[in-house]
Amino acid sequence: MSQTQYLKMLEKEIQKINRKIDFKILQGETYWKEAQDHKLLLRKVRYHTRRGFISRLINLFFRTNIYA
C-alpha cells in the first residue's frame, strides 16, 4: 500500500468516526471512545505528512509573497 493510499484510507476512517460522533451528539450520548480514535487517526495523518526541518526552512526563505 502506498503512502497516498494509506492517507486516503485514514481520511475515510476519520470521516466515518466524525459521522458517529455527530450522531452521538444529536442523540445526547457520550462519544469519548470515538474521540480517542479520532485523535489517534489524526496523529497518524500528521506523522505521515510532516515535513522535515530543511523542507520548512527552504519554504520559509523561498516562498513568494502573493499579496505583494
PDB file of N, CA and C in Angstrom:
ATOM      1  N   MET A   1       0.849  -1.172   0.000  1.00  0.00           N
ATOM      2  CA  MET A   1       0.000   0.000   0.000  1.00  0.00           C
ATOM      3  C   MET A   1       0.899   1.241   0.000  1.00  0.00           C
ATOM      4  N   SER A   2       0.638   2.127  -0.915  1.00  0.00           N
ATOM      5  CA  SER A   2       1.443   3.342  -0.987  1.00  0.00           C
ATOM      6  C   SER A   2       1.016   4.316   0.111  1.00  0.00           C
ATOM      7  N   GLN A   3       1.846   5.311   0.314  1.00  0.00           N
ATOM      8  CA  GLN A   3       1.548   6.287   1.360  1.00  0.00           C
ATOM      9  C   GLN A   3       0.282   7.067   1.032  1.00  0.00           C
ATOM     10  N   THR A   4       0.077   7.394  -0.238  1.00  0.00           N
ATOM     11  CA  THR A   4      -1.136   8.144  -0.585  1.00  0.00           C
ATOM     12  C   THR A   4      -2.384   7.295  -0.359  1.00  0.00           C
ATOM     13  N   GLN A   5      -2.310   6.012  -0.676  1.00  0.00           N
ATOM     14  CA  GLN A   5      -3.448   5.133  -0.420  1.00  0.00           C
ATOM     15  C   GLN A   5      -3.711   5.027   1.080  1.00  0.00           C
ATOM     16  N   TYR A   6      -2.641   4.916   1.855  1.00  0.00           N
ATOM     17  CA  TYR A   6      -2.774   4.832   3.304  1.00  0.00           C
ATOM     18  C   TYR A   6      -3.426   6.092   3.871  1.00  0.00           C
ATOM     19  N   LEU A   7      -2.994   7.257   3.378  1.00  0.00           N
ATOM     20  CA  LEU A   7      -3.570   8.517   3.849  1.00  0.00           C
ATOM     21  C   LEU A   7      -5.039   8.637   3.450  1.00  0.00           C
ATOM     22  N   LYS A   8      -5.393   8.162   2.265  1.00  0.00           N
ATOM     23  CA  LYS A   8      -6.802   8.183   1.853  1.00  0.00           C
ATOM     24  C   LYS A   8      -7.640   7.273   2.744  1.00  0.00           C
ATOM     25  N   MET A   9      -7.084   6.108   3.099  1.00  0.00           N
ATOM     26  CA  MET A   9      -7.785   5.185   3.979  1.00  0.00           C
ATOM     27  C   MET A   9      -7.978   5.813   5.362  1.00  0.00           C
ATOM     28  N   LEU A  10      -6.939   6.483   5.861  1.00  0.00           N
ATOM     29  CA  LEU A  10      -7.065   7.161   7.150  1.00  0.00           C
ATOM     30  C   LEU A  10      -8.135   8.250   7.088  1.00  0.00           C
ATOM     31  N   GLU A  11      -8.159   8.992   5.996  1.00  0.00           N
ATOM     32  CA  GLU A  11      -9.152  10.058   5.839  1.00  0.00           C
ATOM     33  C   GLU A  11     -10.573   9.492   5.841  1.00  0.00           C
ATOM     34  N   LYS A  12     -10.783   8.365   5.170  1.00  0.00           N
ATOM     35  CA  LYS A  12     -12.108   7.737   5.169  1.00  0.00           C
ATOM     36  C   LYS A  12     -12.504   7.297   6.574  1.00  0.00           C
ATOM     37  N   GLU A  13     -11.534   6.746   7.321  1.00  0.00           N
ATOM     38  CA  GLU A  13     -11.817   6.331   8.691  1.00  0.00           C
ATOM     39  C   GLU A  13     -12.162   7.526   9.571  1.00  0.00           C
ATOM     40  N   ILE A  14     -11.455   8.628   9.367  1.00  0.00           N
ATOM     41  CA  ILE A  14     -11.750   9.848  10.129  1.00  0.00           C
ATOM     42  C   ILE A  14     -13.160  10.331   9.822  1.00  0.00           C
ATOM     43  N   GLN A  15     -13.549  10.279   8.553  1.00  0.00           N
ATOM     44  CA  GLN A  15     -14.898  10.707   8.177  1.00  0.00           C
ATOM     45  C   GLN A  15     -15.963   9.817   8.809  1.00  0.00           C
ATOM     46  N   LYS A  16     -15.698   8.500   8.860  1.00  0.00           N
ATOM     47  CA  LYS A  16     -16.645   7.580   9.499  1.00  0.00           C
ATOM     48  C   LYS A  16     -16.808   7.895  10.973  1.00  0.00           C
ATOM     49  N   ILE A  17     -15.675   8.126  11.633  1.00  0.00           N
ATOM     50  CA  ILE A  17     -15.731   8.433  13.063  1.00  0.00           C
ATOM     51  C   ILE A  17     -16.431   9.760  13.294  1.00  0.00           C
ATOM     52  N   ASN A  18     -16.200  10.738  12.422  1.00  0.00           N
ATOM     53  CA  ASN A  18     -16.885  12.028  12.549  1.00  0.00           C
ATOM     54  C   ASN A  18     -18.397  11.858  12.447  1.00  0.00           C
ATOM     55  N   ARG A  19     -18.843  10.992  11.532  1.00  0.00           N
ATOM     56  CA  ARG A  19     -20.281  10.746  11.412  1.00  0.00           C
ATOM     57  C   ARG A  19     -20.837  10.107  12.696  1.00  0.00           C
ATOM     58  N   LYS A  20     -20.074   9.147  13.259  1.00  0.00           N
ATOM     59  CA  LYS A  20     -20.505   8.515  14.510  1.00  0.00           C
ATOM     60  C   LYS A  20     -20.592   9.535  15.632  1.00  0.00           C
ATOM     61  N   ILE A  21     -19.581  10.401  15.716  1.00  0.00           N
ATOM     62  CA  ILE A  21     -19.567  11.429  16.757  1.00  0.00           C
ATOM     63  C   ILE A  21     -20.758  12.366  16.588  1.00  0.00           C
ATOM     64  N   ASP A  22     -21.005  12.810  15.358  1.00  0.00           N
ATOM     65  CA  ASP A  22     -22.142  13.701  15.100  1.00  0.00           C
ATOM     66  C   ASP A  22     -23.457  13.051  15.514  1.00  0.00           C
ATOM     67  N   PHE A  23     -23.627  11.779  15.174  1.00  0.00           N
ATOM     68  CA  PHE A  23     -24.852  11.068  15.521  1.00  0.00           C
ATOM     69  C   PHE A  23     -25.006  10.977  17.042  1.00  0.00           C
ATOM     70  N   LYS A  24     -23.910  10.660  17.724  1.00  0.00           N
ATOM     71  CA  LYS A  24     -23.981  10.540  19.175  1.00  0.00           C
ATOM     72  C   LYS A  24     -24.269  11.881  19.840  1.00  0.00           C
ATOM     73  N   ILE A  25     -23.727  12.949  19.270  1.00  0.00           N
ATOM     74  CA  ILE A  25     -24.024  14.279  19.813  1.00  0.00           C
ATOM     75  C   ILE A  25     -25.510  14.576  19.670  1.00  0.00           C
ATOM     76  N   LEU A  26     -26.076  14.271  18.507  1.00  0.00           N
ATOM     77  CA  LEU A  26     -27.503  14.505  18.286  1.00  0.00           C
ATOM     78  C   LEU A  26     -28.367  13.663  19.222  1.00  0.00           C
ATOM     79  N   GLN A  27     -27.890  12.445  19.550  1.00  0.00           N
ATOM     80  CA  GLN A  27     -28.635  11.561  20.438  1.00  0.00           C
ATOM     81  C   GLN A  27     -28.392  11.889  21.915  1.00  0.00           C
ATOM     82  N   GLY A  28     -27.436  12.757  22.184  1.00  0.00           N
ATOM     83  CA  GLY A  28     -27.120  13.119  23.557  1.00  0.00           C
ATOM     84  C   GLY A  28     -26.279  12.066  24.272  1.00  0.00           C
ATOM     85  N   GLU A  29     -25.593  11.234  23.514  1.00  0.00           N
ATOM     86  CA  GLU A  29     -24.771  10.178  24.103  1.00  0.00           C
ATOM     87  C   GLU A  29     -23.323  10.644  24.230  1.00  0.00           C
ATOM     88  N   THR A  30     -22.560   9.915  25.041  1.00  0.00           N
ATOM     89  CA  THR A  30     -21.141  10.237  25.162  1.00  0.00           C
ATOM     90  C   THR A  30     -20.395   9.632  23.977  1.00  0.00           C
ATOM     91  N   TYR A  31     -19.304  10.285  23.607  1.00  0.00           N
ATOM     92  CA  TYR A  31     -18.544   9.838  22.444  1.00  0.00           C
ATOM     93  C   TYR A  31     -17.050   9.829  22.751  1.00  0.00           C
ATOM     94  N   TRP A  32     -16.711   9.511  23.990  1.00  0.00           N
ATOM     95  CA  TRP A  32     -15.326   9.525  24.435  1.00  0.00           C
ATOM     96  C   TRP A  32     -14.465   8.563  23.624  1.00  0.00           C
ATOM     97  N   LYS A  33     -14.933   7.351  23.415  1.00  0.00           N
ATOM     98  CA  LYS A  33     -14.166   6.341  22.675  1.00  0.00           C
ATOM     99  C   LYS A  33     -13.900   6.798  21.247  1.00  0.00           C
ATOM    100  N   GLU A  34     -14.909   7.321  20.601  1.00  0.00           N
ATOM    101  CA  GLU A  34     -14.757   7.794  19.232  1.00  0.00           C
ATOM    102  C   GLU A  34     -13.796   8.980  19.166  1.00  0.00           C
ATOM    103  N   ALA A  35     -13.835   9.844  20.170  1.00  0.00           N
ATOM    104  CA  ALA A  35     -12.923  10.992  20.200  1.00  0.00           C
ATOM    105  C   ALA A  35     -11.478  10.526  20.308  1.00  0.00           C
ATOM    106  N   GLN A  36     -11.246   9.484  21.100  1.00  0.00           N
ATOM    107  CA  GLN A  36      -9.892   8.946  21.221  1.00  0.00           C
ATOM    108  C   GLN A  36      -9.424   8.330  19.900  1.00  0.00           C
ATOM    109  N   ASP A  37     -10.317   7.611  19.238  1.00  0.00           N
ATOM    110  CA  ASP A  37      -9.979   7.027  17.934  1.00  0.00           C
ATOM    111  C   ASP A  37      -9.654   8.119  16.919  1.00  0.00           C
ATOM    112  N   HIS A  38     -10.456   9.180  16.935  1.00  0.00           N
ATOM    113  CA  HIS A  38     -10.265  10.306  16.030  1.00  0.00           C
ATOM    114  C   HIS A  38      -8.902  10.943  16.269  1.00  0.00           C
ATOM    115  N   LYS A  39      -8.562  11.136  17.523  1.00  0.00           N
ATOM    116  CA  LYS A  39      -7.283  11.736  17.881  1.00  0.00           C
ATOM    117  C   LYS A  39      -6.117  10.872  17.400  1.00  0.00           C
ATOM    118  N   LEU A  40      -6.232   9.563  17.563  1.00  0.00           N
ATOM    119  CA  LEU A  40      -5.186   8.646  17.117  1.00  0.00           C
ATOM    120  C   LEU A  40      -5.005   8.693  15.600  1.00  0.00           C
ATOM    121  N   LEU A  41      -6.115   8.702  14.871  1.00  0.00           N
ATOM    122  CA  LEU A  41      -6.027   8.757  13.408  1.00  0.00           C
ATOM    123  C   LEU A  41      -5.408  10.072  12.931  1.00  0.00           C
ATOM    124  N   LEU A  42      -5.779  11.175  13.574  1.00  0.00           N
ATOM    125  CA  LEU A  42      -5.181  12.458  13.203  1.00  0.00           C
ATOM    126  C   LEU A  42      -3.687  12.458  13.472  1.00  0.00           C
ATOM    127  N   ARG A  43      -3.276  11.832  14.562  1.00  0.00           N
ATOM    128  CA  ARG A  43      -1.857  11.737  14.875  1.00  0.00           C
ATOM    129  C   ARG A  43      -1.116  10.954  13.784  1.00  0.00           C
ATOM    130  N   LYS A  44      -1.749   9.884  13.299  1.00  0.00           N
ATOM    131  CA  LYS A  44      -1.133   9.096  12.222  1.00  0.00           C
ATOM    132  C   LYS A  44      -1.014   9.906  10.946  1.00  0.00           C
ATOM    133  N   VAL A  45      -2.052  10.671  10.615  1.00  0.00           N
ATOM    134  CA  VAL A  45      -2.010  11.500   9.408  1.00  0.00           C
ATOM    135  C   VAL A  45      -0.898  12.532   9.531  1.00  0.00           C
ATOM    136  N   ARG A  46      -0.818  13.198  10.680  1.00  0.00           N
ATOM    137  CA  ARG A  46       0.224  14.210  10.865  1.00  0.00           C
ATOM    138  C   ARG A  46       1.615  13.603  10.792  1.00  0.00           C
ATOM    139  N   TYR A  47       1.775  12.400  11.333  1.00  0.00           N
ATOM    140  CA  TYR A  47       3.082  11.743  11.303  1.00  0.00           C
ATOM    141  C   TYR A  47       3.515  11.468   9.869  1.00  0.00           C
ATOM    142  N   HIS A  48       2.589  11.045   9.036  1.00  0.00           N
ATOM    143  CA  HIS A  48       2.937  10.677   7.670  1.00  0.00           C
ATOM    144  C   HIS A  48       2.975  11.858   6.707  1.00  0.00           C
ATOM    145  N   THR A  49       2.509  13.017   7.141  1.00  0.00           N
ATOM    146  CA  THR A  49       2.534  14.182   6.265  1.00  0.00           C
ATOM    147  C   THR A  49       3.466  15.264   6.783  1.00  0.00           C
ATOM    148  N   ARG A  50       4.177  14.983   7.856  1.00  0.00           N
ATOM    149  CA  ARG A  50       5.062  16.011   8.401  1.00  0.00           C
ATOM    150  C   ARG A  50       6.238  16.239   7.457  1.00  0.00           C
ATOM    151  N   ARG A  51       6.706  17.458   7.504  1.00  0.00           N
ATOM    152  CA  ARG A  51       7.848  17.822   6.680  1.00  0.00           C
ATOM    153  C   ARG A  51       9.059  17.985   7.581  1.00  0.00           C
ATOM    154  N   GLY A  52      10.216  17.754   7.024  1.00  0.00           N
ATOM    155  CA  GLY A  52      11.447  17.896   7.775  1.00  0.00           C
ATOM    156  C   GLY A  52      11.841  19.344   7.973  1.00  0.00           C
ATOM    157  N   PHE A  53      12.808  19.549   8.811  1.00  0.00           N
ATOM    158  CA  PHE A  53      13.287  20.893   9.126  1.00  0.00           C
ATOM    159  C   PHE A  53      13.802  21.605   7.887  1.00  0.00           C
ATOM    160  N   ILE A  54      14.576  20.912   7.077  1.00  0.00           N
ATOM    161  CA  ILE A  54      15.159  21.521   5.876  1.00  0.00           C
ATOM    162  C   ILE A  54      14.058  21.963   4.910  1.00  0.00           C
ATOM    163  N   SER A  55      13.045  21.141   4.748  1.00  0.00           N
ATOM    164  CA  SER A  55      11.940  21.482   3.857  1.00  0.00           C
ATOM    165  C   SER A  55      11.224  22.744   4.335  1.00  0.00           C
ATOM    166  N   ARG A  56      10.980  22.835   5.636  1.00  0.00           N
ATOM    167  CA  ARG A  56      10.326  24.032   6.182  1.00  0.00           C
ATOM    168  C   ARG A  56      11.205  25.265   6.021  1.00  0.00           C
ATOM    169  N   LEU A  57      12.512  25.073   6.211  1.00  0.00           N
ATOM    170  CA  LEU A  57      13.455  26.180   6.087  1.00  0.00           C
ATOM    171  C   LEU A  57      13.492  26.696   4.655  1.00  0.00           C
ATOM    172  N   ILE A  58      13.519  25.792   3.700  1.00  0.00           N
ATOM    173  CA  ILE A  58      13.531  26.186   2.283  1.00  0.00           C
ATOM    174  C   ILE A  58      12.247  26.942   1.944  1.00  0.00           C
ATOM    175  N   ASN A  59      11.114  26.447   2.411  1.00  0.00           N
ATOM    176  CA  ASN A  59       9.854  27.133   2.140  1.00  0.00           C
ATOM    177  C   ASN A  59       9.816  28.518   2.773  1.00  0.00           C
ATOM    178  N   LEU A  60      10.413  28.658   3.934  1.00  0.00           N
ATOM    179  CA  LEU A  60      10.428  29.945   4.615  1.00  0.00           C
ATOM    180  C   LEU A  60      11.214  30.979   3.803  1.00  0.00           C
ATOM    181  N   PHE A  61      12.366  30.576   3.264  1.00  0.00           N
ATOM    182  CA  PHE A  61      13.219  31.511   2.548  1.00  0.00           C
ATOM    183  C   PHE A  61      12.812  31.746   1.104  1.00  0.00           C
ATOM    184  N   PHE A  62      12.202  30.778   0.463  1.00  0.00           N
ATOM    185  CA  PHE A  62      11.948  30.891  -0.970  1.00  0.00           C
ATOM    186  C   PHE A  62      10.480  31.020  -1.349  1.00  0.00           C
ATOM    187  N   ARG A  63       9.610  31.141  -0.365  1.00  0.00           N
ATOM    188  CA  ARG A  63       8.199  31.296  -0.743  1.00  0.00           C
ATOM    189  C   ARG A  63       7.982  32.701  -1.330  1.00  0.00           C
ATOM    190  N   THR A  64       7.047  32.764  -2.221  1.00  0.00           N
ATOM    191  CA  THR A  64       6.753  34.053  -2.846  1.00  0.00           C
ATOM    192  C   THR A  64       5.577  34.683  -2.128  1.00  0.00           C
ATOM    193  N   ASN A  65       5.602  35.943  -2.013  1.00  0.00           N
ATOM    194  CA  ASN A  65       4.528  36.661  -1.368  1.00  0.00           C
ATOM    195  C   ASN A  65       3.470  36.997  -2.423  1.00  0.00           C
ATOM    196  N   ILE A  66       2.329  36.313  -2.372  1.00  0.00           N
ATOM    197  CA  ILE A  66       1.322  36.511  -3.403  1.00  0.00           C
ATOM    198  C   ILE A  66       0.534  37.802  -3.217  1.00  0.00           C
ATOM    199  N   TYR A  67       0.711  38.443  -2.044  1.00  0.00           N
ATOM    200  CA  TYR A  67      -0.038  39.668  -1.785  1.00  0.00           C
ATOM    201  C   TYR A  67       0.776  40.922  -2.055  1.00  0.00           C
ATOM    202  N   ALA A  68       2.020  40.786  -2.490  1.00  0.00           N
ATOM    203  CA  ALA A  68       2.881  41.944  -2.709  1.00  0.00           C
ATOM    204  C   ALA A  68       2.548  42.637  -4.010  1.00  0.00           C
TER     205      ALA A  68
END
